[in-house]
């Protein structure tokens, strides 16, 4: 987080193509281990029966950061000339600082395992450690994979492709939504506030959907359904010209995207453990995040070819469509995930 924040702030010093490519590469290196590391870390603390809701509590940072960050970014772009810097430079500097500060806080505050947490009682530590250990033992009894077996597992590869489709839709919408909204004739500040609307609804839906998944102990429909909803919404949005209806449909797409986000990560963590979990989660994240380039690039390429961003959204909708179908085809090992757990409450 510290190096991520520093390099992000350093993007304000970009002066040409070479410096942009170098800093953007270093930013990717700094970012690479964070997300898969957090997903693995959360499995050290939260049993399967509670996992979707707490993954959502973490993932909520993505839409909330846009709800807050989009209007703030719009305002920061208005700082042109302050201390001789342009607005976009202030945006990188001021939005990079919190990562540095929170990275320092994280180093001192978080502990690796519940057993080392001073803020838990002995009874709480013992209960949580025993519950998590029983869960790991049940997973390994059902299917104990080595790191190599996990990385070459067809199921891990399938989950990687599903995540690719999800990330393509997420980043494609995240990068192009402000431009779509800006085309309505709004100012930078207005664009920031309007862009935040889909993410606000996506935040609320994500929390409720994750809790519902935990309560019902159902994963496949809770991941595949929202992906198909996203695909339909993105496809429909490409045929709409009215700004208000466009925002409604894109809000539905955002709801589908964020409902997928947290529950998806219950799929690999349900049956992977130890080094296999670390490697499998990292591989899924790595392959999936290639869509962080592919999704926005796809929309940009289609826009250049057709002169219309909406057509790009239609093409982009194929990614979550394919991902949703793969979820239903691949299924889920529910018995392994909830082995040793009592009846659903």
Protein backbone atom coordinates (compact mmCIF):
# COMPACT_ATOMS: atom_id res chain seq x y z
CA UNK A 1 0.00 0.00 0.00
CA UNK A 2 2.87 2.39 0.81
CA UNK A 3 4.72 1.84 -2.48
CA UNK A 4 1.39 1.84 -4.33
CA UNK A 5 0.50 5.26 -2.89
CA UNK A 6 3.95 6.74 -3.54
CA UNK A 7 4.05 5.59 -7.17
CA UNK A 8 0.45 6.72 -7.72
CA UNK A 9 1.34 10.21 -6.44
CA UNK A 10 4.46 10.16 -8.64
CA UNK A 11 2.18 9.85 -11.68
CA UNK A 12 1.81 13.63 -11.28
CA UNK A 13 5.37 13.92 -12.64
CA UNK A 14 4.61 12.19 -15.95
CA UNK A 15 6.07 14.27 -18.76
CA UNK A 16 5.89 11.97 -21.76
CA UNK A 17 5.20 8.47 -23.03
CA UNK A 18 8.30 6.85 -21.51
CA UNK A 19 7.75 8.22 -18.00
CA UNK A 20 4.07 7.25 -18.22
CA UNK A 21 4.83 3.65 -19.22
CA UNK A 22 7.56 3.25 -16.57
CA UNK A 23 5.45 4.61 -13.72
CA UNK A 24 2.36 2.71 -14.84
CA UNK A 25 4.38 -0.52 -14.93
CA UNK A 26 5.77 0.13 -11.43
CA UNK A 27 2.25 0.95 -10.23
CA UNK A 28 1.09 -2.46 -11.45
CA UNK A 29 4.02 -4.17 -9.68
CA UNK A 30 3.17 -2.39 -6.43
CA UNK A 31 -0.52 -3.22 -6.72
CA UNK A 32 -0.13 -6.86 -7.81
CA UNK A 33 0.09 -8.58 -4.43
CA UNK A 34 -2.47 -6.50 -2.56
CA UNK A 35 -5.82 -7.90 -3.65
CA UNK A 36 -5.03 -11.64 -3.72
CA UNK A 37 -3.18 -11.16 -0.43
CA UNK A 38 -6.25 -9.60 1.17
CA UNK A 39 -8.56 -12.36 -0.10
CA UNK A 40 -6.24 -14.99 1.37
CA UNK A 41 -5.88 -12.99 4.60
CA UNK A 42 -9.64 -12.85 5.09
CA UNK A 43 -9.82 -16.66 4.93
CA UNK A 44 -7.56 -16.67 8.03
CA UNK A 45 -10.23 -14.79 9.95
CA UNK A 46 -13.73 -15.58 8.66
CA UNK A 47 -15.32 -19.05 8.42
CA UNK A 48 -17.14 -20.03 5.23
CA UNK A 49 -20.61 -19.46 6.64
CA UNK A 50 -19.81 -15.76 7.16
CA UNK A 51 -17.32 -15.24 4.35
CA UNK A 52 -19.42 -13.66 1.58
CA UNK A 53 -20.70 -10.86 3.82
CA UNK A 54 -17.20 -10.01 5.08
CA UNK A 55 -15.69 -10.21 1.61
CA UNK A 56 -18.41 -7.73 0.65
CA UNK A 57 -17.51 -5.55 3.64
CA UNK A 58 -13.98 -5.37 2.21
CA UNK A 59 -14.97 -5.10 -1.45
CA UNK A 60 -17.39 -2.29 -0.61
CA UNK A 61 -14.32 -0.05 -0.74
CA UNK A 62 -14.36 -0.29 -4.56
CA UNK A 63 -17.79 1.27 -5.22
CA UNK A 64 -17.60 3.55 -2.14
CA UNK A 65 -14.26 4.94 -3.32
CA UNK A 66 -15.98 5.91 -6.56
CA UNK A 67 -19.03 7.33 -4.78
CA UNK A 68 -16.66 9.57 -2.82
CA UNK A 69 -13.77 9.76 -5.27
CA UNK A 70 -15.66 10.64 -8.45
CA UNK A 71 -17.05 13.96 -7.11
CA UNK A 72 -13.75 14.71 -5.32
CA UNK A 73 -11.79 13.97 -8.50
CA UNK A 74 -14.08 16.28 -10.45
CA UNK A 75 -13.38 19.06 -7.95
CA UNK A 76 -9.62 18.38 -7.89
CA UNK A 77 -9.48 18.81 -11.66
CA UNK A 78 -10.49 22.42 -10.98
CA UNK A 79 -7.22 23.12 -9.12
CA UNK A 80 -5.40 24.13 -12.30
CA UNK A 81 -2.66 26.66 -11.55
CA UNK A 82 -2.49 26.12 -7.77
CA UNK A 83 1.23 26.11 -6.85
CA UNK A 84 1.99 25.82 -10.55
CA UNK A 85 0.42 22.37 -10.91
CA UNK A 86 -2.42 21.22 -13.15
CA UNK A 87 -5.63 19.76 -11.75
CA UNK A 88 -4.83 16.20 -12.89
CA UNK A 89 -1.49 16.42 -11.06
CA UNK A 90 -3.20 17.42 -7.81
CA UNK A 91 -5.60 14.51 -8.32
CA UNK A 92 -2.76 11.96 -8.36
CA UNK A 93 -0.89 13.54 -5.44
CA UNK A 94 -3.84 13.98 -3.08
CA UNK A 95 -5.39 10.60 -3.88
CA UNK A 96 -2.07 8.77 -3.45
CA UNK A 97 -1.38 10.09 0.07
CA UNK A 98 -4.16 8.11 1.89
CA UNK A 99 -2.73 4.78 0.67
CA UNK A 100 0.64 5.65 2.17
CA UNK A 101 -0.83 6.66 5.52
CA UNK A 102 -3.16 3.65 5.74
CA UNK A 103 -0.33 1.32 4.74
CA UNK A 104 1.62 2.49 7.79
CA UNK A 105 -1.45 2.04 10.02
CA UNK A 106 -1.97 -1.47 8.60
CA UNK A 107 1.60 -2.50 9.43
CA UNK A 108 1.11 -1.75 13.12
CA UNK A 109 -2.59 -2.59 13.55
CA UNK A 110 -3.33 -5.83 11.67
CA UNK A 111 -2.14 -9.22 12.93
CA UNK A 112 -1.53 -12.28 10.76
CA UNK A 113 -3.81 -14.66 12.67
CA UNK A 114 -6.59 -14.43 15.28
CA UNK A 115 -4.32 -16.11 17.84
CA UNK A 116 -2.07 -13.04 17.80
CA UNK A 117 -4.81 -10.45 18.16
CA UNK A 118 -4.48 -8.63 21.49
CA UNK A 119 -7.99 -7.23 21.10
CA UNK A 120 -9.62 -10.70 21.27
CA UNK A 121 -10.17 -12.60 24.53
CA UNK A 122 -8.56 -16.01 25.04
CA UNK A 123 -11.96 -17.66 24.60
CA UNK A 124 -12.61 -15.80 21.33
CA UNK A 125 -9.17 -16.72 19.97
CA UNK A 126 -9.62 -20.38 20.86
CA UNK A 127 -13.13 -20.59 19.36
CA UNK A 128 -12.16 -18.91 16.08
CA UNK A 129 -8.90 -20.82 15.69
CA UNK A 130 -10.64 -24.16 16.31
CA UNK A 131 -13.44 -23.35 13.85
CA UNK A 132 -11.06 -22.31 11.10
CA UNK A 133 -8.77 -25.29 11.68
CA UNK A 134 -11.72 -27.68 11.44
CA UNK A 135 -12.71 -26.03 8.16
CA UNK A 136 -9.20 -26.43 6.73
CA UNK A 137 -9.08 -30.07 7.82
CA UNK A 138 -12.42 -30.75 6.09
CA UNK A 139 -11.16 -29.14 2.87
CA UNK A 140 -7.94 -31.15 2.89
CA UNK A 141 -9.79 -34.37 3.63
CA UNK A 142 -12.01 -33.76 0.61
CA UNK A 143 -9.27 -32.57 -1.75
CA UNK A 144 -5.69 -31.76 -0.72
CA UNK A 145 -3.89 -30.01 -3.58
CA UNK A 146 -0.25 -29.04 -3.90
CA UNK A 147 0.65 -25.64 -5.30
CA UNK A 148 1.43 -27.13 -8.71
CA UNK A 149 -1.85 -29.04 -8.80
CA UNK A 150 -3.78 -25.89 -7.90
CA UNK A 151 -2.11 -23.81 -10.62
CA UNK A 152 -2.86 -26.43 -13.28
CA UNK A 153 -6.35 -27.30 -12.03
CA UNK A 154 -9.06 -26.95 -14.71
CA UNK A 155 -11.34 -25.49 -12.04
CA UNK A 156 -8.82 -22.75 -11.20
CA UNK A 157 -8.41 -21.99 -14.92
CA UNK A 158 -12.21 -21.83 -15.32
CA UNK A 159 -12.49 -19.47 -12.34
CA UNK A 160 -9.73 -17.34 -13.90
CA UNK A 161 -11.76 -17.03 -17.12
CA UNK A 162 -14.89 -16.17 -15.13
CA UNK A 163 -12.98 -13.48 -13.27
CA UNK A 164 -11.59 -12.20 -16.59
CA UNK A 165 -15.14 -11.65 -17.82
CA UNK A 166 -16.10 -9.94 -14.59
CA UNK A 167 -13.06 -7.64 -14.48
CA UNK A 168 -13.51 -6.72 -18.15
CA UNK A 169 -17.00 -5.46 -17.40
CA UNK A 170 -15.90 -3.73 -14.18
CA UNK A 171 -12.97 -1.81 -15.66
CA UNK A 172 -14.65 -1.18 -18.99
CA UNK A 173 -17.51 0.54 -17.21
CA UNK A 174 -15.25 2.20 -14.62
CA UNK A 175 -13.02 3.84 -17.23
CA UNK A 176 -15.67 4.79 -19.77
CA UNK A 177 -18.65 5.74 -17.58
CA UNK A 178 -17.26 9.24 -16.84
CA UNK A 179 -16.85 9.86 -20.58
CA UNK A 180 -20.38 8.63 -21.27
CA UNK A 181 -21.72 10.96 -18.56
CA UNK A 182 -19.52 13.84 -19.70
CA UNK A 183 -21.05 13.51 -23.18
CA UNK A 184 -24.40 14.53 -21.61
CA UNK A 185 -23.00 18.08 -21.59
CA UNK A 186 -22.10 18.24 -17.88
CA UNK A 187 -19.18 20.00 -16.16
CA UNK A 188 -16.34 18.02 -14.56
CA UNK A 189 -17.87 18.44 -11.10
CA UNK A 190 -21.36 17.45 -12.30
CA UNK A 191 -19.89 14.45 -14.14
CA UNK A 192 -18.26 13.30 -10.90
CA UNK A 193 -21.52 13.42 -8.94
CA UNK A 194 -23.60 11.70 -11.66
CA UNK A 195 -20.94 9.00 -12.17
CA UNK A 196 -21.20 8.17 -8.46
CA UNK A 197 -24.91 7.22 -8.70
CA UNK A 198 -24.52 3.67 -10.13
CA UNK A 199 -21.81 2.91 -7.59
CA UNK A 200 -24.00 4.04 -4.70
CA UNK A 201 -26.74 1.59 -5.67
CA UNK A 202 -24.11 -1.08 -6.41
CA UNK A 203 -22.72 -0.68 -2.87
CA UNK A 204 -26.10 -1.25 -1.22
CA UNK A 205 -26.93 -4.20 -3.47
CA UNK A 206 -23.54 -5.87 -2.88
CA UNK A 207 -23.95 -5.96 0.90
CA UNK A 208 -27.53 -7.29 0.76
CA UNK A 209 -26.69 -9.88 -1.92
CA UNK A 210 -23.66 -11.22 -0.04
CA UNK A 211 -25.68 -11.60 3.16
CA UNK A 212 -28.38 -13.43 1.21
CA UNK A 213 -25.77 -15.79 -0.26
CA UNK A 214 -24.47 -16.62 3.22
CA UNK A 215 -27.98 -17.07 4.62
CA UNK A 216 -29.03 -19.47 1.84
CA UNK A 217 -25.57 -21.07 1.42
CA UNK A 218 -25.95 -20.79 -2.33
CA UNK A 219 -23.14 -19.49 -4.52
CA UNK A 220 -23.65 -20.38 -8.21
CA UNK A 221 -26.82 -18.36 -8.84
CA UNK A 222 -25.46 -15.54 -6.65
CA UNK A 223 -22.44 -15.21 -8.98
CA UNK A 224 -23.80 -16.30 -12.36
CA UNK A 225 -27.11 -14.43 -12.10
CA UNK A 226 -25.58 -10.96 -11.54
CA UNK A 227 -23.08 -11.56 -14.37
CA UNK A 228 -25.93 -12.29 -16.79
CA UNK A 229 -27.79 -9.23 -15.48
CA UNK A 230 -24.70 -7.12 -16.18
CA UNK A 231 -24.42 -8.50 -19.71
CA UNK A 232 -28.07 -7.71 -20.49
CA UNK A 233 -27.84 -4.20 -19.00
CA UNK A 234 -24.65 -3.32 -20.90
CA UNK A 235 -26.16 -4.66 -24.12
CA UNK A 236 -29.41 -2.72 -23.66
CA UNK A 237 -27.52 0.49 -22.81
CA UNK A 238 -25.93 0.47 -26.26
CA UNK A 239 -29.35 1.07 -27.87
CA UNK A 240 -30.45 3.93 -25.61
CA UNK A 241 -29.82 7.62 -26.27
CA UNK A 242 -31.86 9.26 -23.50
CA UNK A 243 -29.43 10.30 -20.68
CA UNK A 244 -31.81 9.49 -17.80
CA UNK A 245 -32.68 6.00 -19.10
CA UNK A 246 -29.01 5.38 -19.91
CA UNK A 247 -28.09 6.08 -16.29
CA UNK A 248 -30.84 3.77 -15.02
CA UNK A 249 -29.65 0.90 -17.21
CA UNK A 250 -25.98 1.48 -16.31
CA UNK A 251 -27.00 1.53 -12.64
CA UNK A 252 -28.52 -1.93 -13.15
CA UNK A 253 -25.22 -3.01 -14.76
CA UNK A 254 -23.31 -1.67 -11.74
CA UNK A 255 -25.61 -3.57 -9.38
CA UNK A 256 -24.87 -6.78 -11.30
CA UNK A 257 -21.13 -6.14 -11.26
CA UNK A 258 -20.87 -5.47 -7.54
CA UNK A 259 -23.23 -8.25 -6.53
CA UNK A 260 -20.81 -10.58 -8.31
CA UNK A 261 -17.67 -9.14 -6.73
CA UNK A 262 -17.69 -10.43 -3.17
CA UNK A 263 -19.55 -13.71 -3.67
CA UNK A 264 -17.22 -14.76 -6.50
CA UNK A 265 -14.29 -15.12 -4.11
CA UNK A 266 -16.18 -17.70 -2.04
CA UNK A 267 -15.81 -20.08 -5.02
CA UNK A 268 -12.02 -20.66 -4.90
CA UNK A 269 -11.71 -20.23 -1.12
CA UNK A 270 -14.34 -22.96 -0.63
CA UNK A 271 -11.95 -25.76 -1.60
CA UNK A 272 -8.42 -24.31 -1.71
CA UNK A 273 -6.28 -24.03 1.41
CA UNK A 274 -2.68 -23.34 2.39
CA UNK A 275 -0.14 -22.69 -0.37
CA UNK A 276 -2.63 -24.00 -2.94
CA UNK A 277 -5.02 -21.21 -1.91
CA UNK A 278 -2.29 -18.57 -2.08
CA UNK A 279 -1.17 -19.65 -5.55
CA UNK A 280 -4.66 -20.32 -6.90
CA UNK A 281 -6.07 -16.97 -5.76
CA UNK A 282 -3.03 -15.16 -7.18
CA UNK A 283 -3.38 -16.93 -10.54
CA UNK A 284 -7.12 -16.19 -10.76
CA UNK A 285 -6.47 -12.55 -9.91
CA UNK A 286 -3.58 -12.27 -12.38
CA UNK A 287 -5.42 -13.75 -15.34
CA UNK A 288 -8.59 -11.87 -14.46
CA UNK A 289 -6.82 -8.54 -14.23
CA UNK A 290 -5.51 -8.89 -17.77
CA UNK A 291 -9.06 -7.77 -18.58
CA UNK A 292 -8.19 -4.51 -16.86
CA UNK A 293 -6.34 -3.80 -20.09
CA UNK A 294 -8.60 -5.75 -22.42
CA UNK A 295 -11.98 -4.32 -21.32
CA UNK A 296 -11.21 -0.59 -21.66
CA UNK A 297 -9.10 -1.24 -24.78
CA UNK A 298 -11.98 -3.15 -26.37
CA UNK A 299 -14.37 -0.24 -25.83
CA UNK A 300 -11.74 2.24 -27.09
CA UNK A 301 -11.09 0.17 -30.20
CA UNK A 302 -14.80 -0.17 -31.00
CA UNK A 303 -15.32 3.56 -30.36
CA UNK A 304 -12.56 4.43 -32.84
CA UNK A 305 -13.96 2.02 -35.41
CA UNK A 306 -17.59 3.12 -35.07
CA UNK A 307 -17.35 6.58 -33.50
CA UNK A 308 -19.78 5.42 -30.81
CA UNK A 309 -18.98 4.43 -27.20
CA UNK A 310 -22.36 2.70 -26.85
CA UNK A 311 -21.41 0.10 -29.45
CA UNK A 312 -18.35 -0.65 -27.33
CA UNK A 313 -20.64 -1.42 -24.38
CA UNK A 314 -22.55 -3.90 -26.55
CA UNK A 315 -19.35 -5.75 -27.43
CA UNK A 316 -18.17 -5.53 -23.81
CA UNK A 317 -21.38 -7.25 -22.66
CA UNK A 318 -20.10 -10.50 -24.20
CA UNK A 319 -17.48 -10.83 -21.43
CA UNK A 320 -19.89 -11.05 -18.44
CA UNK A 321 -22.26 -13.12 -20.61
CA UNK A 322 -19.57 -15.77 -21.18
CA UNK A 323 -18.48 -15.55 -17.53
CA UNK A 324 -22.03 -16.06 -16.26
CA UNK A 325 -22.55 -19.12 -18.43
CA UNK A 326 -19.25 -20.59 -17.21
CA UNK A 327 -20.37 -20.17 -13.59
CA UNK A 328 -23.51 -22.21 -14.18
CA UNK A 329 -21.61 -24.84 -16.19
CA UNK A 330 -18.82 -25.14 -13.62
CA UNK A 331 -21.00 -25.46 -10.54
CA UNK A 332 -19.69 -25.26 -6.98
CA UNK A 333 -18.53 -27.63 -4.24
CA UNK A 334 -21.01 -26.54 -1.58
CA UNK A 335 -20.45 -29.63 0.59
CA UNK A 336 -16.73 -28.93 0.75
CA UNK A 337 -17.25 -25.26 1.55
CA UNK A 338 -19.67 -25.89 4.40
CA UNK A 339 -18.24 -29.18 5.66
CA UNK A 340 -18.65 -29.44 9.40
CA UNK A 341 -20.99 -26.45 9.56
CA UNK A 342 -24.43 -26.75 11.11
CA UNK A 343 -27.71 -26.19 9.32
CA UNK A 344 -28.32 -22.81 7.64
CA UNK A 345 -29.79 -20.21 9.91
